[in-house]
């Protein structure tokens, strides 16, 4: 009698991963639909239009596009920027274009900025905070994976865990008095003086006033699982351990 042999079970392998990441993009914000004027200005500013940027990734920013200029010729603009050495990847604002016209260029459409009248006023000095409406939101329970909490116009204080895959956002500061393992975005409407504070830094993404850092690698031992604050220094995110003793 021959014993039957069952085939060995193979362990399934996940064929891909999706991670948060951050890209450094040049934001090109045209103020005129006249491509000749744009090309001439690029040449004057950077000493020639051919390969001035050496393949730098670019965002076409039409958030403040003048309506009286009419809709831009997006395809021709993309060609112009490529000649200058940029690689346009995305567009913010539509400049009066419809989504089909944008999709035809292959650019990703990013969320637009708030209207100018709703943006915080520019700061007179680096230490002067942007004007924000008063109000603080307090969350006294954990923020689970897939949940998003947004404190509009003020600070966000969270007394519980922020899980992986959760997102906490504030126009002001973000305070997490527990492990921060998800994504935290402070200064969501442009307040560059905003900060992120946590008693236990284990975040997967951090942002202050639109400057992002995705934590794809292991955190430095100086801050990993320790009380940490995150702030802007110019256009760079700085993560610093806090001594709470």
C-alpha atoms as a PDB file:
ATOM      1  CA  UNK A   1       0.000   0.000   0.000  1.00  0.00           C
ATOM      2  CA  UNK A   2       1.540   3.304  -1.098  1.00  0.00           C
ATOM      3  CA  UNK A   3       1.273   6.253   1.266  1.00  0.00           C
ATOM      4  CA  UNK A   4       0.067   9.473  -0.323  1.00  0.00           C
ATOM      5  CA  UNK A   5       2.343  12.461  -0.039  1.00  0.00           C
ATOM      6  CA  UNK A   6       0.796  15.895   0.313  1.00  0.00           C
ATOM      7  CA  UNK A   7       2.518  18.664  -1.604  1.00  0.00           C
ATOM      8  CA  UNK A   8       4.517  21.014   0.590  1.00  0.00           C
ATOM      9  CA  UNK A   9       2.718  24.243   1.344  1.00  0.00           C
ATOM     10  CA  UNK A  10       4.510  27.265   0.009  1.00  0.00           C
ATOM     11  CA  UNK A  11       4.469  30.509   1.911  1.00  0.00           C
ATOM     12  CA  UNK A  12       2.717  33.262  -0.040  1.00  0.00           C
ATOM     13  CA  UNK A  13       4.913  36.223  -0.906  1.00  0.00           C
ATOM     14  CA  UNK A  14       3.455  39.706  -1.092  1.00  0.00           C
ATOM     15  CA  UNK A  15       4.421  40.983  -4.562  1.00  0.00           C
ATOM     16  CA  UNK A  16       4.663  44.666  -3.600  1.00  0.00           C
ATOM     17  CA  UNK A  17       4.651  47.169  -0.766  1.00  0.00           C
ATOM     18  CA  UNK A  18       3.063  50.616  -0.513  1.00  0.00           C
ATOM     19  CA  UNK A  19       4.925  53.105   1.648  1.00  0.00           C
ATOM     20  CA  UNK A  20       4.619  56.765   2.446  1.00  0.00           C
ATOM     21  CA  UNK A  21       7.401  58.783   0.900  1.00  0.00           C
ATOM     22  CA  UNK A  22       8.437  62.357   0.284  1.00  0.00           C
ATOM     23  CA  UNK A  23       9.736  64.039  -2.848  1.00  0.00           C
ATOM     24  CA  UNK A  24      11.640  67.262  -3.229  1.00  0.00           C
ATOM     25  CA  UNK A  25       9.897  69.075  -6.083  1.00  0.00           C
ATOM     26  CA  UNK A  26      10.606  72.383  -7.754  1.00  0.00           C
ATOM     27  CA  UNK A  27       7.370  74.401  -7.689  1.00  0.00           C
ATOM     28  CA  UNK A  28       7.073  76.356 -10.945  1.00  0.00           C
ATOM     29  CA  UNK A  29       4.362  79.013 -10.663  1.00  0.00           C
ATOM     30  CA  UNK A  30       3.769  80.787 -14.000  1.00  0.00           C
ATOM     31  CA  UNK A  31       2.071  84.194 -13.982  1.00  0.00           C
ATOM     32  CA  UNK A  32       1.425  84.480 -17.712  1.00  0.00           C
ATOM     33  CA  UNK A  33       0.113  82.270 -20.513  1.00  0.00           C
ATOM     34  CA  UNK A  34       2.699  83.719 -22.922  1.00  0.00           C
ATOM     35  CA  UNK A  35       5.140  80.846 -23.417  1.00  0.00           C
ATOM     36  CA  UNK A  36       7.661  83.021 -25.250  1.00  0.00           C
ATOM     37  CA  UNK A  37       7.812  85.366 -22.269  1.00  0.00           C
ATOM     38  CA  UNK A  38       8.266  82.425 -19.909  1.00  0.00           C
ATOM     39  CA  UNK A  39      11.032  80.862 -21.999  1.00  0.00           C
ATOM     40  CA  UNK A  40      12.869  84.176 -22.294  1.00  0.00           C
ATOM     41  CA  UNK A  41      12.598  84.775 -18.536  1.00  0.00           C
ATOM     42  CA  UNK A  42      13.903  81.277 -17.778  1.00  0.00           C
ATOM     43  CA  UNK A  43      16.855  81.845 -20.070  1.00  0.00           C
ATOM     44  CA  UNK A  44      17.670  85.190 -18.480  1.00  0.00           C
ATOM     45  CA  UNK A  45      17.406  83.857 -14.935  1.00  0.00           C
ATOM     46  CA  UNK A  46      19.264  80.586 -15.401  1.00  0.00           C
ATOM     47  CA  UNK A  47      21.577  81.360 -18.290  1.00  0.00           C
ATOM     48  CA  UNK A  48      19.913  79.338 -21.023  1.00  0.00           C
ATOM     49  CA  UNK A  49      16.905  77.054 -21.338  1.00  0.00           C
ATOM     50  CA  UNK A  50      18.671  73.780 -22.198  1.00  0.00           C
ATOM     51  CA  UNK A  51      19.133  71.437 -19.222  1.00  0.00           C
ATOM     52  CA  UNK A  52      19.344  74.232 -16.652  1.00  0.00           C
ATOM     53  CA  UNK A  53      17.802  71.961 -14.013  1.00  0.00           C
ATOM     54  CA  UNK A  54      19.413  68.595 -14.848  1.00  0.00           C
ATOM     55  CA  UNK A  55      16.217  66.529 -14.672  1.00  0.00           C
ATOM     56  CA  UNK A  56      14.819  67.988 -11.431  1.00  0.00           C
ATOM     57  CA  UNK A  57      11.259  66.844 -10.620  1.00  0.00           C
ATOM     58  CA  UNK A  58       8.777  69.717 -10.815  1.00  0.00           C
ATOM     59  CA  UNK A  59       5.298  70.704  -9.657  1.00  0.00           C
ATOM     60  CA  UNK A  60       3.358  73.138 -11.857  1.00  0.00           C
ATOM     61  CA  UNK A  61       1.632  75.394  -9.328  1.00  0.00           C
ATOM     62  CA  UNK A  62      -1.437  77.196 -10.715  1.00  0.00           C
ATOM     63  CA  UNK A  63      -2.921  77.976  -7.285  1.00  0.00           C
ATOM     64  CA  UNK A  64      -2.563  81.731  -7.885  1.00  0.00           C
ATOM     65  CA  UNK A  65      -3.063  81.677 -11.652  1.00  0.00           C
ATOM     66  CA  UNK A  66      -4.550  85.033 -12.803  1.00  0.00           C
ATOM     67  CA  UNK A  67      -8.042  84.363 -14.155  1.00  0.00           C
ATOM     68  CA  UNK A  68      -7.743  87.197 -16.663  1.00  0.00           C
ATOM     69  CA  UNK A  69      -4.875  85.315 -18.357  1.00  0.00           C
ATOM     70  CA  UNK A  70      -7.215  82.574 -19.578  1.00  0.00           C
ATOM     71  CA  UNK A  71      -6.436  78.870 -19.334  1.00  0.00           C
ATOM     72  CA  UNK A  72      -2.771  78.000 -19.968  1.00  0.00           C
ATOM     73  CA  UNK A  73      -1.613  75.687 -22.762  1.00  0.00           C
ATOM     74  CA  UNK A  74      -0.585  72.964 -20.341  1.00  0.00           C
ATOM     75  CA  UNK A  75       0.880  70.589 -22.914  1.00  0.00           C
ATOM     76  CA  UNK A  76       3.105  73.328 -24.342  1.00  0.00           C
ATOM     77  CA  UNK A  77       4.091  74.415 -20.823  1.00  0.00           C
ATOM     78  CA  UNK A  78       5.157  70.861 -19.966  1.00  0.00           C
ATOM     79  CA  UNK A  79       7.259  70.756 -23.139  1.00  0.00           C
ATOM     80  CA  UNK A  80       8.847  74.104 -22.235  1.00  0.00           C
ATOM     81  CA  UNK A  81       9.791  72.918 -18.750  1.00  0.00           C
ATOM     82  CA  UNK A  82      11.246  69.694 -20.105  1.00  0.00           C
ATOM     83  CA  UNK A  83      13.419  71.706 -22.470  1.00  0.00           C
ATOM     84  CA  UNK A  84      14.661  73.630 -19.437  1.00  0.00           C
ATOM     85  CA  UNK A  85      15.640  70.338 -17.809  1.00  0.00           C
ATOM     86  CA  UNK A  86      12.686  69.903 -15.436  1.00  0.00           C
ATOM     87  CA  UNK A  87      10.506  66.811 -15.239  1.00  0.00           C
ATOM     88  CA  UNK A  88       6.917  67.893 -14.444  1.00  0.00           C
ATOM     89  CA  UNK A  89       5.179  65.219 -12.351  1.00  0.00           C
ATOM     90  CA  UNK A  90       2.138  66.955 -10.902  1.00  0.00           C
ATOM     91  CA  UNK A  91      -0.017  70.060 -11.000  1.00  0.00           C
ATOM     92  CA  UNK A  92      -1.656  72.016  -8.178  1.00  0.00           C
ATOM     93  CA  UNK A  93      -4.609  74.209  -9.064  1.00  0.00           C
ATOM     94  CA  UNK A  94      -6.277  74.035 -12.464  1.00  0.00           C
ATOM     95  CA  UNK A  95      -5.901  77.528 -13.917  1.00  0.00           C
ATOM     96  CA  UNK A  96      -9.322  77.098 -15.527  1.00  0.00           C
ATOM     97  CA  UNK A  97      -8.418  73.787 -17.187  1.00  0.00           C
ATOM     98  CA  UNK A  98     -10.765  70.814 -16.938  1.00  0.00           C
ATOM     99  CA  UNK A  99      -9.666  67.508 -15.483  1.00  0.00           C
ATOM    100  CA  UNK A 100      -9.610  65.830 -18.907  1.00  0.00           C
ATOM    101  CA  UNK A 101      -7.061  68.326 -20.233  1.00  0.00           C
ATOM    102  CA  UNK A 102      -4.882  67.753 -17.175  1.00  0.00           C
ATOM    103  CA  UNK A 103      -5.215  63.969 -17.431  1.00  0.00           C
ATOM    104  CA  UNK A 104      -4.110  64.100 -21.084  1.00  0.00           C
ATOM    105  CA  UNK A 105      -0.710  65.456 -19.988  1.00  0.00           C
ATOM    106  CA  UNK A 106      -0.168  62.569 -17.569  1.00  0.00           C
ATOM    107  CA  UNK A 107       0.274  64.919 -14.593  1.00  0.00           C
ATOM    108  CA  UNK A 108      -1.105  64.060 -11.172  1.00  0.00           C
ATOM    109  CA  UNK A 109      -3.625  66.629  -9.881  1.00  0.00           C
ATOM    110  CA  UNK A 110      -2.783  67.563  -6.286  1.00  0.00           C
ATOM    111  CA  UNK A 111      -5.142  69.315  -3.848  1.00  0.00           C
ATOM    112  CA  UNK A 112      -5.017  73.092  -4.216  1.00  0.00           C
ATOM    113  CA  UNK A 113      -4.011  75.616  -1.579  1.00  0.00           C
ATOM    114  CA  UNK A 114      -6.711  77.502   0.341  1.00  0.00           C
ATOM    115  CA  UNK A 115      -7.781  80.820  -1.221  1.00  0.00           C
ATOM    116  CA  UNK A 116      -5.387  83.702  -0.476  1.00  0.00           C
ATOM    117  CA  UNK A 117      -7.839  85.345   1.895  1.00  0.00           C
ATOM    118  CA  UNK A 118      -7.905  82.178   4.019  1.00  0.00           C
ATOM    119  CA  UNK A 119      -4.133  81.737   4.275  1.00  0.00           C
ATOM    120  CA  UNK A 120      -2.265  82.890   7.381  1.00  0.00           C
ATOM    121  CA  UNK A 121      -0.639  86.298   7.123  1.00  0.00           C
ATOM    122  CA  UNK A 122       3.086  86.411   6.422  1.00  0.00           C
ATOM    123  CA  UNK A 123       5.223  86.681   9.562  1.00  0.00           C
ATOM    124  CA  UNK A 124       7.180  89.846  10.215  1.00  0.00           C
ATOM    125  CA  UNK A 125       9.933  87.933  12.049  1.00  0.00           C
ATOM    126  CA  UNK A 126      10.852  84.208  12.227  1.00  0.00           C
ATOM    127  CA  UNK A 127       9.528  84.006  15.804  1.00  0.00           C
ATOM    128  CA  UNK A 128       6.181  85.713  15.212  1.00  0.00           C
ATOM    129  CA  UNK A 129       3.441  83.047  14.916  1.00  0.00           C
ATOM    130  CA  UNK A 130       0.987  83.178  12.017  1.00  0.00           C
ATOM    131  CA  UNK A 131      -2.460  84.409  13.007  1.00  0.00           C
ATOM    132  CA  UNK A 132      -4.842  81.533  13.602  1.00  0.00           C
ATOM    133  CA  UNK A 133      -8.340  81.426  15.015  1.00  0.00           C
ATOM    134  CA  UNK A 134      -8.399  80.408  18.664  1.00  0.00           C
ATOM    135  CA  UNK A 135      -9.489  76.926  19.590  1.00  0.00           C
ATOM    136  CA  UNK A 136      -7.897  73.665  20.625  1.00  0.00           C
ATOM    137  CA  UNK A 137      -9.222  70.179  19.949  1.00  0.00           C
ATOM    138  CA  UNK A 138      -8.620  67.512  22.609  1.00  0.00           C
ATOM    139  CA  UNK A 139      -8.950  63.815  21.757  1.00  0.00           C
ATOM    140  CA  UNK A 140      -8.917  61.603  24.850  1.00  0.00           C
ATOM    141  CA  UNK A 141      -8.969  58.220  23.126  1.00  0.00           C
ATOM    142  CA  UNK A 142      -6.662  56.405  20.673  1.00  0.00           C
ATOM    143  CA  UNK A 143      -6.716  57.302  16.973  1.00  0.00           C
ATOM    144  CA  UNK A 144      -6.930  53.988  15.146  1.00  0.00           C
ATOM    145  CA  UNK A 145      -5.527  52.953  11.765  1.00  0.00           C
ATOM    146  CA  UNK A 146      -7.529  54.506   8.918  1.00  0.00           C
ATOM    147  CA  UNK A 147      -8.904  57.336  11.067  1.00  0.00           C
ATOM    148  CA  UNK A 148      -8.145  61.024  10.456  1.00  0.00           C
ATOM    149  CA  UNK A 149      -8.499  63.867  12.963  1.00  0.00           C
ATOM    150  CA  UNK A 150      -8.209  67.513  11.868  1.00  0.00           C
ATOM    151  CA  UNK A 151      -8.102  70.487  14.238  1.00  0.00           C
ATOM    152  CA  UNK A 152      -9.130  73.382  12.017  1.00  0.00           C
ATOM    153  CA  UNK A 153      -7.808  76.743  13.135  1.00  0.00           C
ATOM    154  CA  UNK A 154      -5.958  75.621  16.242  1.00  0.00           C
ATOM    155  CA  UNK A 155      -3.898  73.015  18.091  1.00  0.00           C
ATOM    156  CA  UNK A 156      -4.625  69.312  18.366  1.00  0.00           C
ATOM    157  CA  UNK A 157      -3.996  67.498  21.650  1.00  0.00           C
ATOM    158  CA  UNK A 158      -4.226  63.702  21.686  1.00  0.00           C
ATOM    159  CA  UNK A 159      -4.068  61.806  24.963  1.00  0.00           C
ATOM    160  CA  UNK A 160      -3.970  58.324  23.436  1.00  0.00           C
ATOM    161  CA  UNK A 161      -2.029  56.272  20.926  1.00  0.00           C
ATOM    162  CA  UNK A 162      -1.888  57.328  17.262  1.00  0.00           C
ATOM    163  CA  UNK A 163      -1.725  53.981  15.435  1.00  0.00           C
ATOM    164  CA  UNK A 164       0.078  53.100  12.215  1.00  0.00           C
ATOM    165  CA  UNK A 165      -2.096  54.247   9.294  1.00  0.00           C
ATOM    166  CA  UNK A 166      -3.836  56.968  11.341  1.00  0.00           C
ATOM    167  CA  UNK A 167      -3.482  60.650  10.446  1.00  0.00           C
ATOM    168  CA  UNK A 168      -3.613  63.633  12.801  1.00  0.00           C
ATOM    169  CA  UNK A 169      -3.661  67.162  11.352  1.00  0.00           C
ATOM    170  CA  UNK A 170      -3.781  70.651  12.869  1.00  0.00           C
ATOM    171  CA  UNK A 171      -3.562  74.194  11.578  1.00  0.00           C
ATOM    172  CA  UNK A 172      -1.490  74.848  14.707  1.00  0.00           C
ATOM    173  CA  UNK A 173       0.601  72.457  16.814  1.00  0.00           C
ATOM    174  CA  UNK A 174       0.110  68.714  17.226  1.00  0.00           C
ATOM    175  CA  UNK A 175       0.621  67.274  20.735  1.00  0.00           C
ATOM    176  CA  UNK A 176       0.551  63.497  21.260  1.00  0.00           C
ATOM    177  CA  UNK A 177       0.902  62.424  24.896  1.00  0.00           C
ATOM    178  CA  UNK A 178       1.403  58.792  23.891  1.00  0.00           C
ATOM    179  CA  UNK A 179       3.200  56.874  21.118  1.00  0.00           C
ATOM    180  CA  UNK A 180       2.931  58.549  17.707  1.00  0.00           C
ATOM    181  CA  UNK A 181       3.074  55.758  15.130  1.00  0.00           C
ATOM    182  CA  UNK A 182       0.984  57.187  12.301  1.00  0.00           C
ATOM    183  CA  UNK A 183       1.191  60.438  10.354  1.00  0.00           C
ATOM    184  CA  UNK A 184       1.262  63.884  11.967  1.00  0.00           C
ATOM    185  CA  UNK A 185       0.850  67.150  10.046  1.00  0.00           C
ATOM    186  CA  UNK A 186       1.166  70.499  11.852  1.00  0.00           C
ATOM    187  CA  UNK A 187       0.738  73.968  10.350  1.00  0.00           C
ATOM    188  CA  UNK A 188      -1.597  72.538   7.714  1.00  0.00           C
ATOM    189  CA  UNK A 189      -2.492  76.013   6.422  1.00  0.00           C
ATOM    190  CA  UNK A 190       1.054  77.304   6.248  1.00  0.00           C
ATOM    191  CA  UNK A 191       1.979  78.207   9.841  1.00  0.00           C
ATOM    192  CA  UNK A 192       5.763  77.665   9.737  1.00  0.00           C
ATOM    193  CA  UNK A 193       6.063  78.216  13.498  1.00  0.00           C
ATOM    194  CA  UNK A 194       3.902  75.159  14.225  1.00  0.00           C
ATOM    195  CA  UNK A 195       5.480  72.122  15.878  1.00  0.00           C
ATOM    196  CA  UNK A 196       4.797  68.463  16.577  1.00  0.00           C
ATOM    197  CA  UNK A 197       5.321  67.100  20.088  1.00  0.00           C
ATOM    198  CA  UNK A 198       5.087  63.481  21.185  1.00  0.00           C
ATOM    199  CA  UNK A 199       6.033  61.480  24.260  1.00  0.00           C
ATOM    200  CA  UNK A 200       7.110  58.550  22.069  1.00  0.00           C
ATOM    201  CA  UNK A 201       8.381  59.147  18.515  1.00  0.00           C
ATOM    202  CA  UNK A 202       7.625  56.237  16.189  1.00  0.00           C
ATOM    203  CA  UNK A 203       5.947  58.157  13.339  1.00  0.00           C
ATOM    204  CA  UNK A 204       5.688  57.001   9.720  1.00  0.00           C
ATOM    205  CA  UNK A 205       5.334  60.530   8.283  1.00  0.00           C
ATOM    206  CA  UNK A 206       5.816  64.051   9.634  1.00  0.00           C
ATOM    207  CA  UNK A 207       4.962  67.433   8.117  1.00  0.00           C
ATOM    208  CA  UNK A 208       5.158  71.060   9.208  1.00  0.00           C
ATOM    209  CA  UNK A 209       3.675  73.721   6.891  1.00  0.00           C
ATOM    210  CA  UNK A 210       3.835  71.390   3.900  1.00  0.00           C
ATOM    211  CA  UNK A 211       7.457  70.276   4.396  1.00  0.00           C
ATOM    212  CA  UNK A 212       7.268  66.492   4.588  1.00  0.00           C
ATOM    213  CA  UNK A 213       9.499  63.735   5.830  1.00  0.00           C
ATOM    214  CA  UNK A 214       8.531  60.111   5.371  1.00  0.00           C
ATOM    215  CA  UNK A 215      10.183  57.785   7.856  1.00  0.00           C
ATOM    216  CA  UNK A 216      11.220  54.974   5.496  1.00  0.00           C
ATOM    217  CA  UNK A 217      14.306  54.089   7.502  1.00  0.00           C
ATOM    218  CA  UNK A 218      14.921  53.430  11.171  1.00  0.00           C
ATOM    219  CA  UNK A 219      14.661  56.509  13.358  1.00  0.00           C
ATOM    220  CA  UNK A 220      17.891  57.731  14.987  1.00  0.00           C
ATOM    221  CA  UNK A 221      18.472  56.232  18.431  1.00  0.00           C
ATOM    222  CA  UNK A 222      18.555  59.764  19.846  1.00  0.00           C
ATOM    223  CA  UNK A 223      14.784  60.112  19.319  1.00  0.00           C
ATOM    224  CA  UNK A 224      13.353  56.646  18.619  1.00  0.00           C
ATOM    225  CA  UNK A 225      10.591  55.887  21.151  1.00  0.00           C
ATOM    226  CA  UNK A 226      11.590  58.997  23.102  1.00  0.00           C
ATOM    227  CA  UNK A 227       9.914  62.365  23.778  1.00  0.00           C
ATOM    228  CA  UNK A 228      10.536  64.422  20.640  1.00  0.00           C
ATOM    229  CA  UNK A 229       9.622  67.735  19.063  1.00  0.00           C
ATOM    230  CA  UNK A 230       9.588  68.460  15.325  1.00  0.00           C
ATOM    231  CA  UNK A 231      10.027  71.958  13.921  1.00  0.00           C
ATOM    232  CA  UNK A 232      11.078  73.789  10.781  1.00  0.00           C
ATOM    233  CA  UNK A 233      14.561  75.191  10.312  1.00  0.00           C
ATOM    234  CA  UNK A 234      14.339  77.009   7.000  1.00  0.00           C
ATOM    235  CA  UNK A 235      12.935  74.374   4.631  1.00  0.00           C
ATOM    236  CA  UNK A 236      14.267  71.458   6.667  1.00  0.00           C
ATOM    237  CA  UNK A 237      12.435  69.417   9.291  1.00  0.00           C
ATOM    238  CA  UNK A 238      14.394  69.104  12.531  1.00  0.00           C
ATOM    239  CA  UNK A 239      13.603  66.345  15.048  1.00  0.00           C
ATOM    240  CA  UNK A 240      14.938  66.952  18.557  1.00  0.00           C
ATOM    241  CA  UNK A 241      14.721  64.878  21.728  1.00  0.00           C
ATOM    242  CA  UNK A 242      13.028  66.575  24.683  1.00  0.00           C
ATOM    243  CA  UNK A 243      14.142  66.237  28.277  1.00  0.00           C
ATOM    244  CA  UNK A 244      10.937  65.916  30.308  1.00  0.00           C
ATOM    245  CA  UNK A 245      12.642  65.121  33.624  1.00  0.00           C
END
